Amino acid sequence: MKKFKVLICSRSFGRLSEEPIKIIEEVAIVERVSGPLKEEDLIRILPSYDGVIVGTDEITRGVIESAEKLKVVAKHGAGLDNIDLKAATEKGVIVTYVPGANAESVADFTFCLILSLIRHLIDAHLSTKAGRWESRKFIGTELYRKTLGIIGMGAIGSRVARRAKGFDMKILCYTAHPEKHNEEAKKYGIKFVDLDTLLKESDVITIHCALTPKTEKLIGEREIALMKKSAILINTARGPIIDEDALYKALKKKKIAGAALDVYSKEPPGADYPLFKLDNVIVTPHIASYTKEAIINMDLIQARDVVKALRGERPEFVANPEVFTRLDA
């Protein structure tokens, strides 16, 4: 008889391959709900489960404290801003994640957004399908030898830099710990600068840092005012890193050339979201990491780590390693 129960809230986990589900089913009963779930839903549902696999579901202190049986929270992704790590550690709950597993996909998508924006691809596509032939209307900008500003030099930021090298771009980077990235700097010709310098000098600015109290609204009215009028801003990281009201005002007044967003302060943002009304914005529904390769890779890593946690073993990717000090005490 199976000893454990695992709840899947993540929308994409186990959708492309049965293998990850089968791995967990070796030790647990697996059930699925349609996420993302709010705090009140999880407080009601989660107490009967030993493990949960989440996407952007609200894993708050209240949720963790209400789930007496909970042993592991597995984040189907790398961002941990929706999980109260401190509360989990205090309760002895292991939090696993998959850093870098989707980095290639997000880096690809970043350049997809950049090129679509500077070459007016979406507007040209819609115009042509509507039967119009407006080639002179869609004069774009070359990416070749332009300056790329990368905010954050983790697994994704470094891969974006690698792709930028192929366009002979000058690469600037703002990161909290540049000393940790000497190898990438040497390989791709990255120059580490302060944020103001990056904003002033970059033609393309792309965000790849984690959402923390320090990075929330990192890009606000003052920062956008420093950017070139011809610059574009890309966000595939987390929505709250940008002050969306300030961005809307700047784009509406054409103070910067454009923006491409895959993430938002509220998801889904709703049809009345002000940025949706602007013609110099490309928007997508948080799909930067959604490739077959990335999803299956994340699924398998998560499934194996969930099983390890349930069996009392140490998972490979733990977001709160301090929890083992508490568990071993």
Protein backbone atom coordinates (compact mmCIF):
# COMPACT_ATOMS: atom_id res chain seq x y z
CA MET A 1 0.00 0.00 0.00
CA LYS A 2 1.33 3.43 -0.95
CA LYS A 3 2.36 5.50 2.01
CA PHE A 4 2.28 9.06 0.64
CA LYS A 5 0.03 11.46 -1.28
CA VAL A 6 1.31 14.08 -3.71
CA LEU A 7 -0.73 16.93 -5.18
CA ILE A 8 0.14 18.46 -8.56
CA CYS A 9 -0.90 22.10 -8.96
CA SER A 10 1.52 22.97 -11.76
CA ARG A 11 -0.30 23.33 -15.07
CA SER A 12 2.47 21.77 -17.14
CA PHE A 13 4.00 19.07 -14.92
CA GLY A 14 3.51 15.61 -16.42
CA ARG A 15 1.59 16.84 -19.47
CA LEU A 16 4.16 15.90 -22.11
CA SER A 17 5.42 12.61 -20.71
CA GLU A 18 3.99 9.98 -18.38
CA GLU A 19 7.40 9.05 -16.99
CA PRO A 20 7.59 11.75 -14.26
CA ILE A 21 4.15 10.75 -12.93
CA LYS A 22 5.14 7.08 -12.93
CA ILE A 23 8.30 7.88 -10.95
CA ILE A 24 6.25 9.51 -8.18
CA GLU A 25 3.57 6.81 -8.32
CA GLU A 26 6.18 4.27 -7.23
CA VAL A 27 5.90 5.72 -3.70
CA ALA A 28 2.79 7.89 -3.64
CA ILE A 29 -0.79 8.38 -4.76
CA VAL A 30 -0.76 11.28 -7.24
CA GLU A 31 -3.67 13.67 -7.64
CA ARG A 32 -4.01 16.82 -9.74
CA VAL A 33 -5.91 20.08 -9.39
CA SER A 34 -6.19 22.97 -11.78
CA GLY A 35 -3.79 25.70 -10.62
CA PRO A 36 -2.58 28.21 -9.84
CA LEU A 37 -4.26 28.11 -6.44
CA LYS A 38 -4.68 30.95 -3.95
CA GLU A 39 -3.74 30.73 -0.27
CA GLU A 40 -7.28 30.00 0.93
CA ASP A 41 -7.66 27.10 -1.53
CA LEU A 42 -4.38 25.52 -0.49
CA ILE A 43 -5.14 25.88 3.22
CA ARG A 44 -8.32 23.91 2.58
CA ILE A 45 -6.85 21.26 0.26
CA LEU A 46 -3.21 20.67 1.24
CA PRO A 47 -3.41 19.25 4.81
CA SER A 48 -3.98 15.70 3.54
CA TYR A 49 -0.88 15.67 1.29
CA ASP A 50 2.77 14.82 1.94
CA GLY A 51 4.08 16.63 -1.11
CA VAL A 52 2.99 19.27 -3.59
CA ILE A 53 4.31 20.29 -7.01
CA VAL A 54 3.55 23.94 -7.72
CA GLY A 55 3.85 26.57 -10.40
CA THR A 56 2.88 30.07 -9.29
CA ASP A 57 0.55 28.85 -6.52
CA GLU A 58 0.62 30.85 -3.25
CA ILE A 59 2.69 28.82 -0.80
CA THR A 60 2.47 31.23 2.12
CA ARG A 61 3.30 30.80 5.79
CA GLY A 62 -0.38 30.14 6.43
CA VAL A 63 -0.42 27.35 3.86
CA ILE A 64 2.73 25.72 5.22
CA GLU A 65 1.61 25.92 8.84
CA SER A 66 -1.78 24.41 7.99
CA ALA A 67 -0.31 21.41 6.16
CA GLU A 68 0.79 19.17 9.03
CA LYS A 69 1.80 16.21 6.84
CA LEU A 70 3.74 18.25 4.28
CA LYS A 71 7.31 17.10 3.69
CA VAL A 72 8.21 18.68 0.36
CA VAL A 73 7.18 21.61 -1.85
CA ALA A 74 8.53 21.18 -5.37
CA LYS A 75 8.64 24.33 -7.51
CA HIS A 76 8.21 23.51 -11.19
CA GLY A 77 10.65 26.22 -12.21
CA ALA A 78 13.46 28.32 -10.79
CA GLY A 79 11.69 31.37 -9.31
CA LEU A 80 10.83 31.02 -5.64
CA ASP A 81 9.05 34.32 -4.94
CA ASN A 82 5.68 32.59 -4.44
CA ILE A 83 7.03 30.31 -1.69
CA ASP A 84 7.74 31.37 1.89
CA LEU A 85 11.13 29.71 2.27
CA LYS A 86 11.60 30.91 5.84
CA ALA A 87 8.31 29.38 6.95
CA ALA A 88 9.09 26.14 5.13
CA THR A 89 12.49 25.87 6.80
CA GLU A 90 11.04 26.57 10.24
CA LYS A 91 8.42 23.85 9.68
CA GLY A 92 10.99 21.33 8.39
CA VAL A 93 9.54 21.32 4.87
CA ILE A 94 12.02 20.76 2.05
CA VAL A 95 11.64 23.09 -0.95
CA THR A 96 13.04 21.81 -4.24
CA TYR A 97 13.36 23.69 -7.52
CA VAL A 98 14.97 23.34 -10.94
CA PRO A 99 17.58 26.08 -11.45
CA GLY A 100 18.88 26.24 -15.00
CA ALA A 101 16.65 23.48 -16.37
CA ASN A 102 14.74 25.93 -18.58
CA ALA A 103 17.58 28.39 -19.17
CA GLU A 104 18.14 27.56 -22.84
CA SER A 105 14.43 27.92 -23.60
CA VAL A 106 14.12 31.28 -21.84
CA ALA A 107 17.27 32.59 -23.52
CA ASP A 108 15.90 31.55 -26.92
CA PHE A 109 12.59 33.24 -26.17
CA THR A 110 14.31 36.42 -25.04
CA PHE A 111 15.87 36.79 -28.47
CA CYS A 112 12.57 35.86 -30.07
CA LEU A 113 11.01 38.86 -28.31
CA ILE A 114 13.93 41.18 -29.08
CA LEU A 115 13.93 40.41 -32.80
CA SER A 116 10.14 40.50 -33.05
CA LEU A 117 10.10 43.94 -31.45
CA ILE A 118 12.88 45.62 -33.40
CA ARG A 119 11.71 44.16 -36.74
CA HIS A 120 7.98 44.83 -36.13
CA LEU A 121 7.29 41.18 -36.80
CA ILE A 122 3.87 40.93 -35.14
CA ASP A 123 2.45 44.01 -36.85
CA ALA A 124 3.90 42.97 -40.23
CA HIS A 125 2.43 39.48 -39.85
CA LEU A 126 -1.05 40.76 -39.01
CA SER A 127 -0.94 43.37 -41.78
CA THR A 128 0.08 40.84 -44.42
CA LYS A 129 -2.55 38.29 -43.35
CA ALA A 130 -5.15 41.06 -43.58
CA GLY A 131 -4.33 41.41 -47.29
CA ARG A 132 -2.22 44.53 -47.06
CA TRP A 133 1.29 44.91 -48.49
CA GLU A 134 2.93 47.58 -46.32
CA SER A 135 6.62 46.77 -46.62
CA ARG A 136 7.71 50.39 -46.36
CA LYS A 137 5.81 50.77 -43.10
CA PHE A 138 7.86 48.18 -41.24
CA ILE A 139 11.39 49.55 -41.27
CA GLY A 140 13.28 47.80 -38.52
CA THR A 141 16.56 48.13 -36.66
CA GLU A 142 19.60 45.85 -36.87
CA LEU A 143 20.69 44.01 -33.75
CA TYR A 144 24.23 43.67 -35.10
CA ARG A 145 26.77 45.51 -32.91
CA LYS A 146 24.16 47.14 -30.74
CA THR A 147 24.59 47.28 -26.94
CA LEU A 148 22.75 44.71 -24.85
CA GLY A 149 22.21 45.36 -21.15
CA ILE A 150 21.55 42.23 -19.09
CA ILE A 151 20.15 42.65 -15.57
CA GLY A 152 21.14 39.48 -13.71
CA MET A 153 23.85 36.99 -14.67
CA GLY A 154 22.46 33.65 -13.54
CA ALA A 155 21.85 30.58 -15.67
CA ILE A 156 19.57 32.47 -18.07
CA GLY A 157 21.52 35.73 -18.21
CA SER A 158 24.74 33.93 -19.12
CA ARG A 159 22.99 32.07 -21.95
CA VAL A 160 21.51 35.31 -23.25
CA ALA A 161 25.06 36.71 -23.31
CA ARG A 162 26.24 33.69 -25.30
CA ARG A 163 23.55 34.28 -27.93
CA ALA A 164 24.30 38.02 -28.03
CA LYS A 165 27.91 37.23 -28.91
CA GLY A 166 26.65 35.76 -32.18
CA PHE A 167 25.24 39.19 -33.11
CA ASP A 168 28.57 40.87 -32.26
CA MET A 169 26.77 42.85 -29.58
CA LYS A 170 28.51 44.86 -26.89
CA ILE A 171 27.35 43.28 -23.63
CA LEU A 172 26.86 45.16 -20.38
CA CYS A 173 25.66 43.49 -17.19
CA TYR A 174 24.40 44.65 -13.83
CA THR A 175 24.48 41.94 -11.17
CA ALA A 176 24.83 41.80 -7.40
CA HIS A 177 27.93 39.58 -7.51
CA PRO A 178 30.02 40.24 -10.63
CA GLU A 179 33.02 38.51 -9.03
CA LYS A 180 31.19 35.19 -9.42
CA HIS A 181 31.02 35.53 -13.20
CA ASN A 182 34.60 36.10 -14.31
CA GLU A 183 34.47 33.08 -16.61
CA GLU A 184 31.39 34.34 -18.47
CA ALA A 185 32.85 37.85 -18.66
CA LYS A 186 36.01 36.57 -20.31
CA LYS A 187 34.22 34.19 -22.68
CA TYR A 188 31.55 36.60 -23.93
CA GLY A 189 33.24 39.98 -23.44
CA ILE A 190 30.85 41.13 -20.73
CA LYS A 191 31.50 44.43 -18.99
CA PHE A 192 30.01 44.72 -15.50
CA VAL A 193 28.58 48.16 -14.76
CA ASP A 194 26.20 49.85 -12.32
CA LEU A 195 22.52 49.92 -13.19
CA ASP A 196 22.42 53.58 -14.24
CA THR A 197 25.27 53.09 -16.71
CA LEU A 198 23.59 50.03 -18.18
CA LEU A 199 20.30 51.89 -18.64
CA LYS A 200 21.96 54.93 -20.24
CA GLU A 201 24.14 53.01 -22.70
CA SER A 202 22.05 49.99 -23.75
CA ASP A 203 19.96 49.70 -26.90
CA VAL A 204 18.26 46.57 -25.56
CA ILE A 205 17.70 45.92 -21.85
CA THR A 206 16.66 42.46 -20.74
CA ILE A 207 15.79 41.37 -17.19
CA HIS A 208 16.99 38.02 -15.80
CA CYS A 209 17.25 38.55 -12.04
CA ALA A 210 15.20 36.99 -9.27
CA LEU A 211 12.32 38.84 -7.65
CA THR A 212 13.34 39.88 -4.13
CA PRO A 213 12.47 42.85 -1.91
CA LYS A 214 15.54 44.59 -3.39
CA THR A 215 14.54 44.00 -7.02
CA GLU A 216 10.82 44.75 -6.72
CA LYS A 217 10.17 47.81 -8.93
CA LEU A 218 13.88 47.92 -9.71
CA ILE A 219 12.91 49.53 -13.01
CA GLY A 220 10.73 52.51 -12.19
CA GLU A 221 10.12 56.02 -13.48
CA ARG A 222 13.63 57.27 -12.64
CA GLU A 223 15.30 54.27 -14.27
CA ILE A 224 13.17 54.38 -17.43
CA ALA A 225 13.99 58.09 -17.80
CA LEU A 226 17.68 57.15 -18.07
CA MET A 227 17.08 54.92 -21.09
CA LYS A 228 17.63 55.97 -24.69
CA LYS A 229 14.52 57.03 -26.59
CA SER A 230 15.35 54.28 -29.10
CA ALA A 231 15.81 51.59 -26.42
CA ILE A 232 13.59 48.56 -25.83
CA LEU A 233 12.93 46.70 -22.58
CA ILE A 234 12.39 42.93 -22.29
CA ASN A 235 11.07 41.09 -19.22
CA THR A 236 10.97 37.29 -19.05
CA ALA A 237 11.84 37.19 -15.32
CA ARG A 238 9.10 38.41 -12.95
CA GLY A 239 6.50 41.12 -13.49
CA PRO A 240 6.95 43.12 -10.27
CA ILE A 241 10.58 43.89 -11.13
CA ILE A 242 9.17 46.62 -13.39
CA ASP A 243 6.88 49.40 -12.19
CA GLU A 244 4.18 48.75 -14.77
CA ASP A 245 2.47 52.13 -14.31
CA ALA A 246 5.75 53.93 -15.00
CA LEU A 247 6.40 51.71 -18.03
CA TYR A 248 2.93 52.37 -19.42
CA LYS A 249 3.36 56.14 -19.14
CA ALA A 250 6.80 56.03 -20.78
CA LEU A 251 5.64 53.85 -23.67
CA LYS A 252 2.50 55.89 -24.25
CA LYS A 253 4.56 59.08 -24.48
CA LYS A 254 7.17 57.26 -26.67
CA LYS A 255 9.93 58.01 -24.14
CA ILE A 256 11.35 54.58 -25.05
CA ALA A 257 10.78 52.70 -28.30
CA GLY A 258 9.08 49.59 -27.02
CA ALA A 259 8.80 46.71 -24.58
CA ALA A 260 8.15 42.97 -24.70
CA LEU A 261 6.68 41.27 -21.64
CA ASP A 262 6.14 37.62 -20.81
CA VAL A 263 5.46 38.24 -17.10
CA TYR A 264 3.20 40.60 -15.14
CA SER A 265 2.64 41.85 -11.60
CA LYS A 266 -0.68 40.01 -11.64
CA GLU A 267 -1.14 36.83 -13.65
CA PRO A 268 -3.26 36.60 -15.63
CA PRO A 269 -3.45 40.39 -15.88
CA GLY A 270 -6.94 40.62 -17.41
CA ALA A 271 -8.14 42.00 -20.74
CA ASP A 272 -8.23 45.59 -19.40
CA TYR A 273 -4.49 45.60 -18.59
CA PRO A 274 -3.31 49.07 -19.73
CA LEU A 275 -0.14 47.86 -21.48
CA PHE A 276 -2.26 45.68 -23.78
CA LYS A 277 -3.66 48.84 -25.36
CA LEU A 278 -0.30 50.10 -26.66
CA ASP A 279 1.01 49.37 -30.14
CA ASN A 280 4.70 49.44 -29.11
CA VAL A 281 4.37 46.46 -26.76
CA ILE A 282 4.56 42.72 -27.43
CA VAL A 283 2.92 40.55 -24.77
CA THR A 284 2.89 36.78 -24.23
CA PRO A 285 1.31 34.60 -21.48
CA HIS A 286 4.35 33.56 -19.38
CA ILE A 287 5.59 30.99 -21.91
CA ALA A 288 9.33 31.71 -22.13
CA SER A 289 10.21 28.36 -20.54
CA TYR A 290 7.50 26.39 -22.34
CA THR A 291 9.37 24.08 -24.69
CA LYS A 292 9.07 20.30 -24.79
CA GLU A 293 12.70 19.90 -23.84
CA ALA A 294 12.59 22.26 -20.87
CA ILE A 295 9.30 20.97 -19.47
CA ILE A 296 10.27 17.29 -19.67
CA ASN A 297 13.68 18.06 -18.17
CA MET A 298 12.08 19.95 -15.27
CA ASP A 299 9.49 17.20 -14.80
CA LEU A 300 12.06 14.45 -14.44
CA ILE A 301 14.29 16.43 -12.07
CA GLN A 302 11.30 17.33 -9.89
CA ALA A 303 9.86 13.82 -9.84
CA ARG A 304 13.14 12.30 -8.68
CA ASP A 305 13.65 14.98 -6.05
CA VAL A 306 10.11 14.59 -4.69
CA VAL A 307 10.64 10.84 -4.29
CA LYS A 308 13.96 11.42 -2.52
CA ALA A 309 12.36 13.88 -0.12
CA LEU A 310 9.49 11.53 0.69
CA ARG A 311 11.93 8.69 1.33
CA GLY A 312 13.95 10.82 3.73
CA GLU A 313 16.85 11.24 1.30
CA ARG A 314 18.42 14.54 0.26
CA PRO A 315 17.10 15.85 -3.09
CA GLU A 316 19.54 17.14 -5.71
CA PHE A 317 18.19 20.69 -5.93
CA VAL A 318 17.17 22.17 -2.58
CA ALA A 319 16.24 25.85 -2.25
CA ASN A 320 16.42 25.86 1.56
CA PRO A 321 19.38 23.65 2.53
CA GLU A 322 19.18 25.04 6.09
CA VAL A 323 16.17 22.77 6.56
CA PHE A 324 18.45 19.76 6.98
CA THR A 325 20.02 21.28 10.08
CA ARG A 326 16.54 21.42 11.55
CA LEU A 327 15.60 17.94 10.34
CA ASP A 328 18.79 16.43 11.73
CA ALA A 329 18.44 18.15 15.11
